[in-house]
Amino acid sequence: MENYMFDFDGTLADSGETAVLATQATFKDFGLSLPSSDQIRGYMGIPIEKSFPLMGAKADLPAMFTSFREHYQALEASQVKLYPGIKEVLAKLKEKDKKIYAVSSKHSEALRRNLELLKIASYFDDLVGSDQVKNYKPAPDGINVLLERYGLDPKQTVMIGDAIYDIQMGHAAGVKTAGVYWGAFDWEAVLKQKPTFALTKVQQLDEI
């Protein structure tokens, strides 16, 4: 592979608890029933614009989104952690002159901030957040933006993620896909999506 597209949450970094706490705090702010940790984690991988209504949010949604992002930002510095070995793998890929991108359901500003917080931003050639696409994951828009922007060969491109939505968007875009075991999503559900590669160790990222 020449082009590596990474999901962020559950793939590069463990942000699951941050998302759970920020979501529950937001629902509490608006007097709504709190979704469970399992429920929230089940929707990780798609933007809050899609997941919040599915979890029963019926209040002022734009205000809820703002509240969530404020809670998340307050927690991220202490809670979001890079998975062991990720930085080393990114360094190896750059040594081989591979192109590295981030494709996330986060807004681009938050995605860039998180990459910088974890000191891995310099490894990335570009990023696409949910604010840059018309259709969210599992639609292929995030990948297609990068394919078109840089004239990338889909056959030499792999979408890497821990959620079924990452694999589905990769299939829809016509690129290779890699499901990762160490994230928040149910592994058996990921395997049912038939990813091109099924990775159980971070170090395997350097082998595809």
N, C-alpha and C. Protein backbone atom coordinates (compact mmCIF):
# COMPACT_ATOMS: atom_id res chain seq x y z
N MET A 1 0.82 -1.19 0.00
CA MET A 1 0.00 0.00 0.00
C MET A 1 0.87 1.26 0.00
N GLU A 2 0.36 2.29 -0.65
CA GLU A 2 1.07 3.57 -0.69
C GLU A 2 0.37 4.65 0.14
N ASN A 3 -0.95 4.51 0.28
CA ASN A 3 -1.74 5.54 0.95
C ASN A 3 -2.52 4.95 2.12
N TYR A 4 -2.29 5.47 3.30
CA TYR A 4 -2.91 4.96 4.52
C TYR A 4 -3.87 5.99 5.08
N MET A 5 -5.14 5.62 5.17
CA MET A 5 -6.16 6.51 5.73
C MET A 5 -6.63 5.94 7.06
N PHE A 6 -6.42 6.70 8.12
CA PHE A 6 -6.72 6.24 9.47
C PHE A 6 -7.97 6.93 10.04
N ASP A 7 -8.85 6.12 10.60
CA ASP A 7 -9.85 6.64 11.52
C ASP A 7 -9.10 7.09 12.77
N PHE A 8 -9.69 7.97 13.57
CA PHE A 8 -9.00 8.43 14.78
C PHE A 8 -9.46 7.67 16.02
N ASP A 9 -10.72 7.85 16.39
CA ASP A 9 -11.23 7.27 17.64
C ASP A 9 -11.27 5.74 17.58
N GLY A 10 -10.55 5.09 18.49
CA GLY A 10 -10.55 3.64 18.53
C GLY A 10 -9.57 3.00 17.57
N THR A 11 -8.87 3.82 16.80
CA THR A 11 -7.88 3.31 15.84
C THR A 11 -6.50 3.85 16.17
N LEU A 12 -6.38 5.16 16.18
CA LEU A 12 -5.12 5.79 16.58
C LEU A 12 -5.07 6.02 18.09
N ALA A 13 -6.22 6.37 18.65
CA ALA A 13 -6.25 6.74 20.07
C ALA A 13 -7.45 6.13 20.78
N ASP A 14 -7.27 5.88 22.06
CA ASP A 14 -8.34 5.39 22.92
C ASP A 14 -9.08 6.59 23.49
N SER A 15 -10.21 6.90 22.91
CA SER A 15 -11.00 8.05 23.33
C SER A 15 -12.39 7.65 23.79
N GLY A 16 -12.59 6.35 23.94
CA GLY A 16 -13.92 5.84 24.27
C GLY A 16 -14.51 6.41 25.54
N GLU A 17 -13.73 6.43 26.61
CA GLU A 17 -14.24 6.93 27.88
C GLU A 17 -14.52 8.43 27.81
N THR A 18 -13.71 9.15 27.05
CA THR A 18 -13.93 10.58 26.86
C THR A 18 -15.28 10.82 26.18
N ALA A 19 -15.56 10.05 25.14
CA ALA A 19 -16.82 10.19 24.42
C ALA A 19 -18.00 9.84 25.30
N VAL A 20 -17.85 8.79 26.11
CA VAL A 20 -18.93 8.38 27.01
C VAL A 20 -19.24 9.48 28.02
N LEU A 21 -18.20 9.98 28.68
CA LEU A 21 -18.39 11.01 29.71
C LEU A 21 -18.96 12.30 29.12
N ALA A 22 -18.45 12.70 27.96
CA ALA A 22 -18.93 13.93 27.33
C ALA A 22 -20.38 13.80 26.87
N THR A 23 -20.72 12.63 26.34
CA THR A 23 -22.10 12.40 25.89
C THR A 23 -23.06 12.41 27.07
N GLN A 24 -22.72 11.68 28.12
CA GLN A 24 -23.61 11.61 29.28
C GLN A 24 -23.76 12.98 29.95
N ALA A 25 -22.68 13.74 30.01
CA ALA A 25 -22.75 15.09 30.59
C ALA A 25 -23.66 15.98 29.77
N THR A 26 -23.60 15.84 28.46
CA THR A 26 -24.45 16.64 27.57
C THR A 26 -25.92 16.29 27.75
N PHE A 27 -26.22 15.01 27.77
CA PHE A 27 -27.62 14.59 27.96
C PHE A 27 -28.14 15.04 29.32
N LYS A 28 -27.28 15.01 30.33
CA LYS A 28 -27.67 15.48 31.66
C LYS A 28 -27.95 16.98 31.63
N ASP A 29 -27.12 17.74 30.92
CA ASP A 29 -27.31 19.18 30.80
C ASP A 29 -28.69 19.53 30.26
N PHE A 30 -29.20 18.67 29.37
CA PHE A 30 -30.47 18.96 28.72
C PHE A 30 -31.64 18.18 29.32
N GLY A 31 -31.40 17.57 30.48
CA GLY A 31 -32.47 16.89 31.20
C GLY A 31 -32.99 15.65 30.52
N LEU A 32 -32.15 14.99 29.75
CA LEU A 32 -32.54 13.79 29.03
C LEU A 32 -32.03 12.54 29.74
N SER A 33 -32.68 11.41 29.47
CA SER A 33 -32.21 10.14 30.02
C SER A 33 -30.82 9.85 29.49
N LEU A 34 -29.94 9.42 30.38
CA LEU A 34 -28.55 9.18 29.99
C LEU A 34 -28.41 7.87 29.23
N PRO A 35 -27.82 7.89 28.04
CA PRO A 35 -27.53 6.64 27.33
C PRO A 35 -26.44 5.88 28.08
N SER A 36 -26.47 4.56 27.98
CA SER A 36 -25.48 3.74 28.66
C SER A 36 -24.13 3.82 27.95
N SER A 37 -23.10 3.39 28.65
CA SER A 37 -21.77 3.35 28.06
C SER A 37 -21.75 2.47 26.82
N ASP A 38 -22.39 1.30 26.91
CA ASP A 38 -22.42 0.37 25.77
C ASP A 38 -23.14 0.98 24.58
N GLN A 39 -24.22 1.69 24.86
CA GLN A 39 -24.99 2.32 23.79
C GLN A 39 -24.15 3.37 23.07
N ILE A 40 -23.47 4.19 23.85
CA ILE A 40 -22.63 5.24 23.27
C ILE A 40 -21.49 4.64 22.45
N ARG A 41 -20.83 3.64 23.02
CA ARG A 41 -19.72 3.00 22.31
C ARG A 41 -20.18 2.33 21.02
N GLY A 42 -21.41 1.85 21.02
CA GLY A 42 -21.94 1.20 19.82
C GLY A 42 -22.11 2.16 18.66
N TYR A 43 -22.25 3.44 18.97
CA TYR A 43 -22.40 4.44 17.92
C TYR A 43 -21.12 5.20 17.63
N MET A 44 -20.04 4.85 18.32
CA MET A 44 -18.76 5.50 18.03
C MET A 44 -18.34 5.15 16.61
N GLY A 45 -17.89 6.13 15.89
CA GLY A 45 -17.53 5.89 14.49
C GLY A 45 -18.39 6.69 13.54
N ILE A 46 -19.56 7.12 14.03
CA ILE A 46 -20.39 8.02 13.23
C ILE A 46 -20.50 9.35 13.97
N PRO A 47 -20.77 10.44 13.26
CA PRO A 47 -20.81 11.75 13.91
C PRO A 47 -21.95 11.87 14.91
N ILE A 48 -21.80 12.76 15.87
CA ILE A 48 -22.86 12.99 16.85
C ILE A 48 -24.12 13.51 16.18
N GLU A 49 -23.97 14.13 15.01
CA GLU A 49 -25.15 14.59 14.28
C GLU A 49 -26.08 13.43 13.94
N LYS A 50 -25.52 12.23 13.80
CA LYS A 50 -26.31 11.04 13.53
C LYS A 50 -26.61 10.25 14.80
N SER A 51 -25.62 10.13 15.69
CA SER A 51 -25.77 9.26 16.86
C SER A 51 -26.68 9.84 17.94
N PHE A 52 -26.64 11.14 18.16
CA PHE A 52 -27.45 11.72 19.23
C PHE A 52 -28.95 11.48 19.04
N PRO A 53 -29.50 11.74 17.85
CA PRO A 53 -30.92 11.43 17.66
C PRO A 53 -31.24 9.95 17.86
N LEU A 54 -30.32 9.08 17.48
CA LEU A 54 -30.53 7.65 17.65
C LEU A 54 -30.55 7.25 19.12
N MET A 55 -29.93 8.08 19.97
CA MET A 55 -29.91 7.80 21.41
C MET A 55 -31.00 8.57 22.16
N GLY A 56 -31.91 9.17 21.42
CA GLY A 56 -33.06 9.81 22.05
C GLY A 56 -32.97 11.30 22.25
N ALA A 57 -31.98 11.95 21.65
CA ALA A 57 -31.86 13.41 21.79
C ALA A 57 -32.98 14.09 21.01
N LYS A 58 -33.80 14.85 21.72
CA LYS A 58 -34.91 15.55 21.07
C LYS A 58 -34.90 17.03 21.40
N ALA A 59 -33.88 17.46 22.10
CA ALA A 59 -33.79 18.87 22.50
C ALA A 59 -33.23 19.69 21.35
N ASP A 60 -32.68 20.83 21.67
CA ASP A 60 -32.05 21.71 20.68
C ASP A 60 -30.74 21.06 20.25
N LEU A 61 -30.77 20.34 19.14
CA LEU A 61 -29.61 19.55 18.73
C LEU A 61 -28.35 20.39 18.51
N PRO A 62 -28.41 21.51 17.80
CA PRO A 62 -27.18 22.31 17.65
C PRO A 62 -26.57 22.70 18.99
N ALA A 63 -27.41 23.04 19.96
CA ALA A 63 -26.90 23.39 21.28
C ALA A 63 -26.29 22.18 21.97
N MET A 64 -26.88 21.01 21.75
CA MET A 64 -26.32 19.78 22.32
C MET A 64 -24.96 19.46 21.71
N PHE A 65 -24.83 19.68 20.41
CA PHE A 65 -23.55 19.41 19.76
C PHE A 65 -22.46 20.32 20.31
N THR A 66 -22.82 21.58 20.52
CA THR A 66 -21.86 22.53 21.10
C THR A 66 -21.47 22.11 22.50
N SER A 67 -22.46 21.70 23.29
CA SER A 67 -22.21 21.26 24.66
C SER A 67 -21.28 20.05 24.68
N PHE A 68 -21.56 19.08 23.80
CA PHE A 68 -20.71 17.89 23.74
C PHE A 68 -19.28 18.25 23.43
N ARG A 69 -19.08 19.11 22.46
CA ARG A 69 -17.71 19.46 22.05
C ARG A 69 -16.98 20.21 23.17
N GLU A 70 -17.72 20.99 23.94
CA GLU A 70 -17.10 21.68 25.07
C GLU A 70 -16.70 20.69 26.16
N HIS A 71 -17.60 19.75 26.46
CA HIS A 71 -17.27 18.72 27.46
C HIS A 71 -16.09 17.86 26.99
N TYR A 72 -16.12 17.49 25.72
CA TYR A 72 -15.06 16.64 25.17
C TYR A 72 -13.71 17.34 25.25
N GLN A 73 -13.68 18.60 24.84
CA GLN A 73 -12.41 19.33 24.85
C GLN A 73 -11.87 19.49 26.27
N ALA A 74 -12.77 19.63 27.25
CA ALA A 74 -12.33 19.77 28.64
C ALA A 74 -11.71 18.48 29.16
N LEU A 75 -12.10 17.36 28.57
CA LEU A 75 -11.63 16.05 29.04
C LEU A 75 -10.44 15.51 28.25
N GLU A 76 -10.30 15.92 26.99
CA GLU A 76 -9.40 15.22 26.08
C GLU A 76 -7.94 15.22 26.51
N ALA A 77 -7.46 16.29 27.09
CA ALA A 77 -6.04 16.36 27.45
C ALA A 77 -5.66 15.30 28.47
N SER A 78 -6.59 14.97 29.36
CA SER A 78 -6.29 13.99 30.41
C SER A 78 -6.78 12.59 30.08
N GLN A 79 -7.71 12.48 29.14
CA GLN A 79 -8.36 11.19 28.90
C GLN A 79 -7.95 10.50 27.60
N VAL A 80 -7.74 11.26 26.52
CA VAL A 80 -7.44 10.64 25.22
C VAL A 80 -5.98 10.19 25.18
N LYS A 81 -5.78 8.91 24.92
CA LYS A 81 -4.43 8.35 24.93
C LYS A 81 -4.13 7.64 23.61
N LEU A 82 -2.92 7.81 23.13
CA LEU A 82 -2.46 7.11 21.93
C LEU A 82 -2.30 5.63 22.25
N TYR A 83 -2.74 4.76 21.34
CA TYR A 83 -2.51 3.33 21.55
C TYR A 83 -1.01 3.04 21.48
N PRO A 84 -0.52 2.17 22.34
CA PRO A 84 0.92 1.82 22.33
C PRO A 84 1.35 1.33 20.96
N GLY A 85 2.45 1.85 20.46
CA GLY A 85 3.01 1.41 19.19
C GLY A 85 2.58 2.22 17.99
N ILE A 86 1.53 3.03 18.13
CA ILE A 86 1.02 3.80 16.98
C ILE A 86 2.05 4.79 16.46
N LYS A 87 2.65 5.54 17.34
CA LYS A 87 3.62 6.56 16.90
C LYS A 87 4.78 5.91 16.17
N GLU A 88 5.25 4.78 16.66
CA GLU A 88 6.37 4.08 16.02
C GLU A 88 6.00 3.59 14.62
N VAL A 89 4.78 3.09 14.48
CA VAL A 89 4.32 2.61 13.17
C VAL A 89 4.19 3.77 12.19
N LEU A 90 3.65 4.89 12.64
CA LEU A 90 3.54 6.06 11.78
C LEU A 90 4.92 6.52 11.31
N ALA A 91 5.89 6.49 12.22
CA ALA A 91 7.26 6.89 11.86
C ALA A 91 7.84 5.95 10.80
N LYS A 92 7.59 4.65 10.94
CA LYS A 92 8.09 3.68 9.96
C LYS A 92 7.46 3.91 8.59
N LEU A 93 6.16 4.18 8.58
CA LEU A 93 5.48 4.43 7.31
C LEU A 93 6.03 5.67 6.61
N LYS A 94 6.31 6.71 7.38
CA LYS A 94 6.87 7.93 6.78
C LYS A 94 8.28 7.68 6.26
N GLU A 95 9.03 6.84 6.96
CA GLU A 95 10.38 6.50 6.49
C GLU A 95 10.33 5.82 5.13
N LYS A 96 9.23 5.13 4.86
CA LYS A 96 9.04 4.45 3.59
C LYS A 96 8.35 5.34 2.56
N ASP A 97 8.21 6.62 2.89
CA ASP A 97 7.57 7.60 2.00
C ASP A 97 6.11 7.29 1.70
N LYS A 98 5.42 6.67 2.65
CA LYS A 98 4.00 6.42 2.49
C LYS A 98 3.23 7.70 2.80
N LYS A 99 2.07 7.84 2.19
CA LYS A 99 1.19 8.98 2.47
C LYS A 99 0.22 8.58 3.58
N ILE A 100 0.06 9.46 4.55
CA ILE A 100 -0.77 9.16 5.71
C ILE A 100 -1.83 10.24 5.88
N TYR A 101 -3.08 9.79 6.03
CA TYR A 101 -4.20 10.71 6.17
C TYR A 101 -5.08 10.27 7.34
N ALA A 102 -5.84 11.21 7.87
CA ALA A 102 -6.83 10.90 8.90
C ALA A 102 -8.22 11.22 8.35
N VAL A 103 -9.14 10.28 8.52
CA VAL A 103 -10.53 10.47 8.07
C VAL A 103 -11.41 10.17 9.28
N SER A 104 -12.08 11.19 9.78
CA SER A 104 -12.77 11.04 11.05
C SER A 104 -14.17 11.63 11.03
N SER A 105 -14.99 11.17 11.98
CA SER A 105 -16.31 11.75 12.20
C SER A 105 -16.24 13.00 13.07
N LYS A 106 -15.05 13.31 13.57
CA LYS A 106 -14.85 14.56 14.29
C LYS A 106 -14.84 15.73 13.30
N HIS A 107 -15.09 16.92 13.78
CA HIS A 107 -14.83 18.10 12.97
C HIS A 107 -13.33 18.24 12.76
N SER A 108 -12.94 18.83 11.65
CA SER A 108 -11.52 18.93 11.30
C SER A 108 -10.70 19.64 12.38
N GLU A 109 -11.26 20.69 12.96
CA GLU A 109 -10.54 21.44 13.99
C GLU A 109 -10.22 20.55 15.19
N ALA A 110 -11.21 19.78 15.64
CA ALA A 110 -11.00 18.89 16.78
C ALA A 110 -10.03 17.77 16.43
N LEU A 111 -10.13 17.25 15.21
CA LEU A 111 -9.23 16.20 14.76
C LEU A 111 -7.79 16.70 14.74
N ARG A 112 -7.58 17.86 14.18
CA ARG A 112 -6.23 18.44 14.13
C ARG A 112 -5.71 18.69 15.55
N ARG A 113 -6.56 19.20 16.40
CA ARG A 113 -6.17 19.48 17.79
C ARG A 113 -5.75 18.20 18.51
N ASN A 114 -6.50 17.13 18.29
CA ASN A 114 -6.18 15.86 18.94
C ASN A 114 -4.88 15.26 18.42
N LEU A 115 -4.64 15.36 17.12
CA LEU A 115 -3.39 14.87 16.55
C LEU A 115 -2.20 15.64 17.12
N GLU A 116 -2.38 16.94 17.28
CA GLU A 116 -1.31 17.76 17.86
C GLU A 116 -1.11 17.45 19.34
N LEU A 117 -2.21 17.24 20.06
CA LEU A 117 -2.14 16.90 21.48
C LEU A 117 -1.33 15.63 21.70
N LEU A 118 -1.51 14.66 20.80
CA LEU A 118 -0.82 13.37 20.92
C LEU A 118 0.55 13.37 20.25
N LYS A 119 0.93 14.53 19.69
CA LYS A 119 2.24 14.70 19.07
C LYS A 119 2.47 13.78 17.86
N ILE A 120 1.42 13.61 17.07
CA ILE A 120 1.56 12.80 15.85
C ILE A 120 1.11 13.58 14.60
N ALA A 121 0.74 14.84 14.76
CA ALA A 121 0.23 15.62 13.63
C ALA A 121 1.22 15.70 12.48
N SER A 122 2.50 15.73 12.79
CA SER A 122 3.53 15.89 11.76
C SER A 122 3.62 14.71 10.80
N TYR A 123 3.06 13.57 11.19
CA TYR A 123 3.11 12.39 10.33
C TYR A 123 2.03 12.42 9.25
N PHE A 124 1.04 13.29 9.41
CA PHE A 124 -0.12 13.26 8.52
C PHE A 124 0.00 14.28 7.39
N ASP A 125 -0.28 13.80 6.18
CA ASP A 125 -0.22 14.66 5.00
C ASP A 125 -1.47 15.52 4.88
N ASP A 126 -2.58 15.04 5.39
CA ASP A 126 -3.82 15.81 5.35
C ASP A 126 -4.86 15.09 6.22
N LEU A 127 -5.97 15.76 6.45
CA LEU A 127 -7.05 15.16 7.23
C LEU A 127 -8.39 15.62 6.69
N VAL A 128 -9.39 14.79 6.93
CA VAL A 128 -10.77 15.12 6.54
C VAL A 128 -11.68 14.85 7.72
N GLY A 129 -12.33 15.91 8.20
CA GLY A 129 -13.31 15.77 9.26
C GLY A 129 -14.71 15.79 8.70
N SER A 130 -15.69 15.59 9.58
CA SER A 130 -17.08 15.50 9.13
C SER A 130 -17.60 16.80 8.53
N ASP A 131 -16.95 17.92 8.86
CA ASP A 131 -17.37 19.21 8.31
C ASP A 131 -16.95 19.40 6.85
N GLN A 132 -16.14 18.48 6.33
CA GLN A 132 -15.67 18.59 4.94
C GLN A 132 -16.46 17.72 3.97
N VAL A 133 -17.45 16.99 4.49
CA VAL A 133 -18.19 16.07 3.63
C VAL A 133 -19.69 16.35 3.67
N LYS A 134 -20.36 15.96 2.62
CA LYS A 134 -21.82 16.10 2.56
C LYS A 134 -22.50 14.94 3.27
N ASN A 135 -21.96 13.75 3.06
CA ASN A 135 -22.54 12.54 3.66
C ASN A 135 -21.54 11.90 4.61
N TYR A 136 -21.98 11.58 5.82
CA TYR A 136 -21.12 11.02 6.85
C TYR A 136 -20.87 9.53 6.64
N LYS A 137 -19.89 8.99 7.39
CA LYS A 137 -19.68 7.55 7.41
C LYS A 137 -21.02 6.86 7.69
N PRO A 138 -21.32 5.74 7.01
CA PRO A 138 -20.44 4.92 6.17
C PRO A 138 -20.40 5.31 4.69
N ALA A 139 -20.93 6.47 4.34
CA ALA A 139 -20.79 6.96 2.96
C ALA A 139 -19.30 7.18 2.66
N PRO A 140 -18.90 7.05 1.40
CA PRO A 140 -17.47 7.11 1.06
C PRO A 140 -16.90 8.51 0.92
N ASP A 141 -17.68 9.54 1.22
CA ASP A 141 -17.27 10.92 0.93
C ASP A 141 -15.91 11.29 1.51
N GLY A 142 -15.65 10.90 2.76
CA GLY A 142 -14.38 11.27 3.40
C GLY A 142 -13.17 10.74 2.65
N ILE A 143 -13.27 9.51 2.19
CA ILE A 143 -12.18 8.91 1.41
C ILE A 143 -12.12 9.54 0.03
N ASN A 144 -13.27 9.73 -0.58
CA ASN A 144 -13.31 10.28 -1.94
C ASN A 144 -12.70 11.68 -2.01
N VAL A 145 -12.89 12.47 -0.95
CA VAL A 145 -12.30 13.81 -0.91
C VAL A 145 -10.79 13.71 -1.11
N LEU A 146 -10.16 12.78 -0.41
CA LEU A 146 -8.70 12.63 -0.50
C LEU A 146 -8.27 12.00 -1.81
N LEU A 147 -9.02 11.01 -2.29
CA LEU A 147 -8.69 10.39 -3.58
C LEU A 147 -8.68 11.44 -4.68
N GLU A 148 -9.69 12.32 -4.66
CA GLU A 148 -9.81 13.34 -5.70
C GLU A 148 -8.82 14.48 -5.49
N ARG A 149 -8.62 14.86 -4.25
CA ARG A 149 -7.74 15.99 -3.94
C ARG A 149 -6.30 15.72 -4.37
N TYR A 150 -5.87 14.46 -4.21
CA TYR A 150 -4.47 14.12 -4.49
C TYR A 150 -4.29 13.15 -5.65
N GLY A 151 -5.37 12.78 -6.31
CA GLY A 151 -5.26 11.85 -7.43
C GLY A 151 -4.71 10.50 -7.02
N LEU A 152 -5.15 10.00 -5.88
CA LEU A 152 -4.63 8.74 -5.34
C LEU A 152 -5.24 7.53 -6.05
N ASP A 153 -4.45 6.48 -6.14
CA ASP A 153 -4.90 5.22 -6.74
C ASP A 153 -5.65 4.42 -5.67
N PRO A 154 -6.95 4.16 -5.87
CA PRO A 154 -7.72 3.39 -4.88
C PRO A 154 -7.11 2.02 -4.58
N LYS A 155 -6.47 1.42 -5.59
CA LYS A 155 -5.89 0.09 -5.40
C LYS A 155 -4.67 0.13 -4.48
N GLN A 156 -4.09 1.30 -4.31
CA GLN A 156 -2.93 1.46 -3.43
C GLN A 156 -3.30 2.21 -2.15
N THR A 157 -4.59 2.21 -1.84
CA THR A 157 -5.09 2.96 -0.69
C THR A 157 -5.82 2.02 0.26
N VAL A 158 -5.60 2.19 1.56
CA VAL A 158 -6.28 1.37 2.56
C VAL A 158 -6.92 2.27 3.61
N MET A 159 -8.17 1.97 3.93
CA MET A 159 -8.88 2.66 5.02
C MET A 159 -8.78 1.78 6.26
N ILE A 160 -8.29 2.35 7.35
CA ILE A 160 -8.01 1.60 8.57
C ILE A 160 -8.92 2.09 9.69
N GLY A 161 -9.67 1.18 10.30
CA GLY A 161 -10.55 1.60 11.38
C GLY A 161 -11.03 0.46 12.25
N ASP A 162 -11.59 0.82 13.38
CA ASP A 162 -12.05 -0.18 14.35
C ASP A 162 -13.55 -0.44 14.26
N ALA A 163 -14.28 0.37 13.47
CA ALA A 163 -15.74 0.26 13.43
C ALA A 163 -16.23 -0.25 12.08
N ILE A 164 -17.43 -0.82 12.10
CA ILE A 164 -18.02 -1.32 10.85
C ILE A 164 -18.17 -0.18 9.85
N TYR A 165 -18.40 1.03 10.33
CA TYR A 165 -18.60 2.17 9.44
C TYR A 165 -17.35 2.49 8.63
N ASP A 166 -16.18 2.26 9.23
CA ASP A 166 -14.92 2.50 8.52
C ASP A 166 -14.75 1.50 7.38
N ILE A 167 -15.09 0.25 7.66
CA ILE A 167 -14.96 -0.79 6.64
C ILE A 167 -15.99 -0.57 5.54
N GLN A 168 -17.20 -0.22 5.92
CA GLN A 168 -18.25 0.02 4.94
C GLN A 168 -17.91 1.19 4.03
N MET A 169 -17.36 2.26 4.59
CA MET A 169 -17.00 3.41 3.75
C MET A 169 -15.85 3.06 2.81
N GLY A 170 -14.92 2.24 3.30
CA GLY A 170 -13.82 1.80 2.45
C GLY A 170 -14.30 0.98 1.27
N HIS A 171 -15.21 0.05 1.55
CA HIS A 171 -15.78 -0.76 0.48
C HIS A 171 -16.51 0.13 -0.53
N ALA A 172 -17.27 1.10 -0.02
CA ALA A 172 -18.05 1.98 -0.89
C ALA A 172 -17.15 2.84 -1.78
N ALA A 173 -15.96 3.17 -1.27
CA ALA A 173 -15.02 4.01 -2.03
C ALA A 173 -14.14 3.19 -2.97
N GLY A 174 -14.19 1.86 -2.84
CA GLY A 174 -13.40 1.01 -3.72
C GLY A 174 -11.94 0.91 -3.33
N VAL A 175 -11.64 1.14 -2.04
CA VAL A 175 -10.25 1.00 -1.57
C VAL A 175 -10.13 -0.25 -0.72
N LYS A 176 -8.90 -0.61 -0.38
CA LYS A 176 -8.67 -1.72 0.54
C LYS A 176 -9.11 -1.29 1.94
N THR A 177 -9.38 -2.26 2.80
CA THR A 177 -9.83 -1.94 4.15
C THR A 177 -9.06 -2.78 5.17
N ALA A 178 -8.87 -2.21 6.35
CA ALA A 178 -8.21 -2.92 7.44
C ALA A 178 -8.99 -2.69 8.73
N GLY A 179 -9.53 -3.77 9.28
CA GLY A 179 -10.19 -3.68 10.57
C GLY A 179 -9.18 -3.91 11.68
N VAL A 180 -9.27 -3.12 12.75
CA VAL A 180 -8.32 -3.27 13.85
C VAL A 180 -9.03 -3.76 15.11
N TYR A 181 -8.37 -4.64 15.82
CA TYR A 181 -8.95 -5.35 16.96
C TYR A 181 -8.96 -4.52 18.23
N TRP A 182 -8.03 -3.57 18.35
CA TRP A 182 -7.80 -2.90 19.64
C TRP A 182 -8.77 -1.76 19.92
N GLY A 183 -9.71 -1.48 19.04
CA GLY A 183 -10.61 -0.35 19.25
C GLY A 183 -11.83 -0.68 20.08
N ALA A 184 -12.82 0.22 20.01
CA ALA A 184 -14.00 0.12 20.87
C ALA A 184 -15.08 -0.79 20.30
N PHE A 185 -15.03 -1.04 19.00
CA PHE A 185 -16.14 -1.74 18.35
C PHE A 185 -16.04 -3.25 18.49
N ASP A 186 -17.20 -3.90 18.39
CA ASP A 186 -17.26 -5.36 18.48
C ASP A 186 -16.50 -6.00 17.32
N TRP A 187 -15.51 -6.82 17.65
CA TRP A 187 -14.61 -7.38 16.64
C TRP A 187 -15.33 -8.31 15.69
N GLU A 188 -16.23 -9.14 16.20
CA GLU A 188 -16.95 -10.06 15.33
C GLU A 188 -17.81 -9.30 14.32
N ALA A 189 -18.38 -8.19 14.75
CA ALA A 189 -19.17 -7.37 13.83
C ALA A 189 -18.30 -6.77 12.74
N VAL A 190 -17.08 -6.40 13.10
CA VAL A 190 -16.13 -5.86 12.12
C VAL A 190 -15.76 -6.93 11.10
N LEU A 191 -15.47 -8.13 11.59
CA LEU A 191 -15.08 -9.22 10.69
C LEU A 191 -16.19 -9.58 9.71
N LYS A 192 -17.43 -9.42 10.13
CA LYS A 192 -18.56 -9.72 9.24
C LYS A 192 -18.60 -8.78 8.03
N GLN A 193 -17.92 -7.65 8.14
CA GLN A 193 -17.86 -6.70 7.02
C GLN A 193 -16.80 -7.10 5.98
N LYS A 194 -16.07 -8.16 6.29
CA LYS A 194 -15.05 -8.71 5.38
C LYS A 194 -13.99 -7.67 4.98
N PRO A 195 -13.28 -7.13 5.97
CA PRO A 195 -12.18 -6.22 5.64
C PRO A 195 -11.08 -6.95 4.88
N THR A 196 -10.36 -6.23 4.04
CA THR A 196 -9.25 -6.83 3.29
C THR A 196 -8.21 -7.40 4.25
N PHE A 197 -7.95 -6.66 5.32
CA PHE A 197 -6.98 -7.08 6.34
C PHE A 197 -7.66 -7.04 7.71
N ALA A 198 -7.37 -8.04 8.53
CA ALA A 198 -7.87 -8.07 9.90
C ALA A 198 -6.65 -8.03 10.82
N LEU A 199 -6.46 -6.91 11.49
CA LEU A 199 -5.24 -6.69 12.27
C LEU A 199 -5.52 -6.81 13.77
N THR A 200 -4.76 -7.65 14.44
CA THR A 200 -4.94 -7.83 15.88
C THR A 200 -3.84 -7.14 16.68
N LYS A 201 -2.78 -6.70 15.99
CA LYS A 201 -1.68 -6.01 16.67
C LYS A 201 -1.32 -4.74 15.90
N VAL A 202 -0.99 -3.70 16.64
CA VAL A 202 -0.64 -2.42 16.02
C VAL A 202 0.50 -2.58 15.03
N GLN A 203 1.47 -3.41 15.37
CA GLN A 203 2.66 -3.58 14.52
C GLN A 203 2.32 -4.10 13.13
N GLN A 204 1.16 -4.76 12.98
CA GLN A 204 0.77 -5.29 11.68
C GLN A 204 0.44 -4.18 10.67
N LEU A 205 0.22 -2.98 11.16
CA LEU A 205 -0.06 -1.86 10.25
C LEU A 205 1.09 -1.63 9.28
N ASP A 206 2.28 -1.96 9.71
CA ASP A 206 3.47 -1.76 8.89
C ASP A 206 3.67 -2.89 7.88
N GLU A 207 2.78 -3.88 7.90
CA GLU A 207 2.95 -5.06 7.06
C GLU A 207 1.95 -5.14 5.92
N ILE A 208 1.05 -4.17 5.81
CA ILE A 208 0.03 -4.25 4.76
C ILE A 208 0.39 -3.35 3.57
